[in-house]
Amino acid sequence: MLQRIQTLYMGVVFILSGVLSLVFPLWTNAKGELIYAPHSGIFIGLFGISAALAAYAIITYNNRMKQFVVNRLNMILNVLLLGLFVFRSLNLSGESEISEKGIGMFLPVLSILFLVLANRAIKKDEDLVKSVDRLR
């Protein structure tokens, strides 16, 4: 059912990864230019895959276990994305590339948070269905 709370959480992940990643800058380089996700192919690709996984999880509302697994894969993808951000910002020496971090670097953290909340709600629904099946 689409009116469940986990659908709302996955919708927020879709908006974070699909829309807000294009709006908020990832970082500011040494020249003062704002760098967005579309400026780097790997980042826009990973954000796009994350948004696609969230949309796929939303439309598979009738199979809760599949939603749970897809959300876990999306969490792993967002951890990878966050790791790439940390690697990119810490590996470069001095002020050569990244001067100031933008709010776009924290979008995977918010996505992971909402995916965890969605998985908790899916687990709660699954436990409720199993408890009702025992009563029959």
Protein backbone atom coordinates (compact mmCIF):
# COMPACT_ATOMS: atom_id res chain seq x y z
CA MET A 1 0.00 0.00 0.00
CA LEU A 2 1.33 3.37 -0.95
CA GLN A 3 0.00 5.17 2.12
CA ARG A 4 2.47 3.53 4.52
CA ILE A 5 5.09 5.62 6.32
CA GLN A 6 8.01 3.81 4.68
CA THR A 7 6.78 5.04 1.30
CA LEU A 8 7.07 8.59 2.60
CA TYR A 9 10.61 7.89 3.83
CA MET A 10 11.61 6.37 0.49
CA GLY A 11 10.03 9.35 -1.29
CA VAL A 12 12.23 11.66 0.76
CA VAL A 13 15.27 9.59 -0.29
CA PHE A 14 14.16 9.91 -3.92
CA ILE A 15 13.90 13.69 -3.56
CA LEU A 16 17.24 13.92 -1.74
CA SER A 17 19.10 11.84 -4.32
CA GLY A 18 17.24 12.78 -7.46
CA VAL A 19 16.40 16.44 -7.03
CA LEU A 20 18.36 18.05 -4.22
CA SER A 21 21.66 16.59 -5.43
CA LEU A 22 21.23 18.78 -8.51
CA VAL A 23 20.32 21.88 -6.50
CA PHE A 24 22.86 21.96 -3.68
CA PRO A 25 26.59 22.35 -4.40
CA LEU A 26 28.95 19.57 -3.34
CA TRP A 27 31.91 21.85 -2.69
CA THR A 28 33.59 25.09 -3.68
CA ASN A 29 36.92 24.83 -5.44
CA ALA A 30 39.94 27.07 -4.84
CA LYS A 31 38.79 29.49 -7.56
CA GLY A 32 35.49 30.05 -5.75
CA GLU A 33 33.37 28.13 -8.27
CA LEU A 34 30.53 26.00 -6.97
CA ILE A 35 30.82 22.35 -8.02
CA TYR A 36 27.53 20.46 -8.42
CA ALA A 37 26.93 16.73 -8.92
CA PRO A 38 26.45 16.99 -12.72
CA HIS A 39 30.01 18.34 -13.03
CA SER A 40 31.31 14.89 -12.09
CA GLY A 41 30.05 11.82 -13.87
CA ILE A 42 30.62 9.40 -10.99
CA PHE A 43 28.69 11.49 -8.47
CA ILE A 44 25.69 12.14 -10.71
CA GLY A 45 25.67 8.46 -11.65
CA LEU A 46 25.65 7.30 -8.03
CA PHE A 47 23.00 9.85 -7.06
CA GLY A 48 20.92 8.72 -10.04
CA ILE A 49 21.22 5.04 -9.12
CA SER A 50 20.24 5.88 -5.54
CA ALA A 51 17.15 7.74 -6.76
CA ALA A 52 16.27 4.87 -9.10
CA LEU A 53 16.59 2.33 -6.29
CA ALA A 54 14.34 4.47 -4.08
CA ALA A 55 11.74 4.70 -6.85
CA TYR A 56 11.95 0.94 -7.44
CA ALA A 57 11.48 0.29 -3.72
CA ILE A 58 8.40 2.53 -3.72
CA ILE A 59 6.73 0.69 -6.61
CA THR A 60 7.41 -2.74 -5.08
CA TYR A 61 5.12 -1.97 -2.16
CA ASN A 62 3.44 -5.39 -2.33
CA ASN A 63 6.69 -7.28 -1.60
CA ARG A 64 8.05 -5.99 1.71
CA MET A 65 11.11 -8.24 1.77
CA LYS A 66 12.17 -7.02 -1.68
CA GLN A 67 11.74 -3.44 -0.46
CA PHE A 68 13.89 -4.26 2.55
CA VAL A 69 16.69 -5.70 0.37
CA VAL A 70 16.55 -2.83 -2.13
CA ASN A 71 16.79 -0.33 0.72
CA ARG A 72 19.82 -2.18 2.11
CA LEU A 73 21.48 -1.99 -1.32
CA ASN A 74 20.64 1.71 -1.46
CA MET A 75 22.22 2.18 1.98
CA ILE A 76 25.41 0.47 0.79
CA LEU A 77 25.44 2.70 -2.29
CA ASN A 78 25.03 5.83 -0.14
CA VAL A 79 27.84 4.69 2.18
CA LEU A 80 30.01 4.25 -0.93
CA LEU A 81 29.02 7.73 -2.11
CA LEU A 82 29.81 9.21 1.29
CA GLY A 83 33.15 7.40 1.30
CA LEU A 84 33.98 8.88 -2.11
CA PHE A 85 33.17 12.35 -0.79
CA VAL A 86 35.40 11.86 2.25
CA PHE A 87 38.19 10.39 0.12
CA ARG A 88 37.99 13.23 -2.36
CA SER A 89 37.98 15.93 0.31
CA LEU A 90 40.72 14.45 2.50
CA ASN A 91 43.05 12.93 -0.08
CA LEU A 92 43.85 16.09 -1.98
CA SER A 93 46.73 18.11 -0.67
CA GLY A 94 46.24 21.70 0.42
CA GLU A 95 43.74 23.98 -1.22
CA SER A 96 44.30 22.62 -4.71
CA GLU A 97 40.84 21.25 -5.43
CA ILE A 98 38.30 21.51 -2.61
CA SER A 99 38.22 24.76 -0.72
CA GLU A 100 34.92 24.54 1.13
CA LYS A 101 32.48 21.68 1.52
CA GLY A 102 28.91 22.22 0.46
CA ILE A 103 25.66 20.87 1.85
CA GLY A 104 25.46 18.41 -1.04
CA MET A 105 28.13 16.26 0.62
CA PHE A 106 25.75 15.55 3.50
CA LEU A 107 22.86 14.33 1.34
CA PRO A 108 24.00 10.66 1.53
CA VAL A 109 23.93 10.88 5.35
CA LEU A 110 20.32 12.06 5.26
CA SER A 111 19.47 9.37 2.70
CA ILE A 112 20.95 6.67 4.93
CA LEU A 113 18.96 8.00 7.89
CA PHE A 114 15.66 7.89 6.00
CA LEU A 115 16.45 4.45 4.55
CA VAL A 116 17.06 3.12 8.07
CA LEU A 117 13.72 4.57 9.18
CA ALA A 118 12.01 2.99 6.16
CA ASN A 119 13.54 -0.41 6.91
CA ARG A 120 12.42 -0.19 10.54
CA ALA A 121 8.86 0.53 9.38
CA ILE A 122 9.00 -2.33 6.85
CA LYS A 123 10.22 -4.70 9.58
CA LYS A 124 7.41 -3.53 11.87
CA ASP A 125 4.82 -4.18 9.13
CA GLU A 126 6.28 -7.62 8.41
CA ASP A 127 6.18 -8.54 12.09
CA LEU A 128 2.56 -7.37 12.30
CA VAL A 129 1.54 -9.51 9.31
CA LYS A 130 3.33 -12.55 10.76
CA SER A 131 1.61 -12.08 14.13
CA VAL A 132 -1.80 -11.88 12.45
CA ASP A 133 -1.04 -15.04 10.43
CA ARG A 134 -0.32 -16.91 13.68
CA LEU A 135 -3.78 -16.08 14.98
CA ARG A 136 -5.59 -17.66 12.01
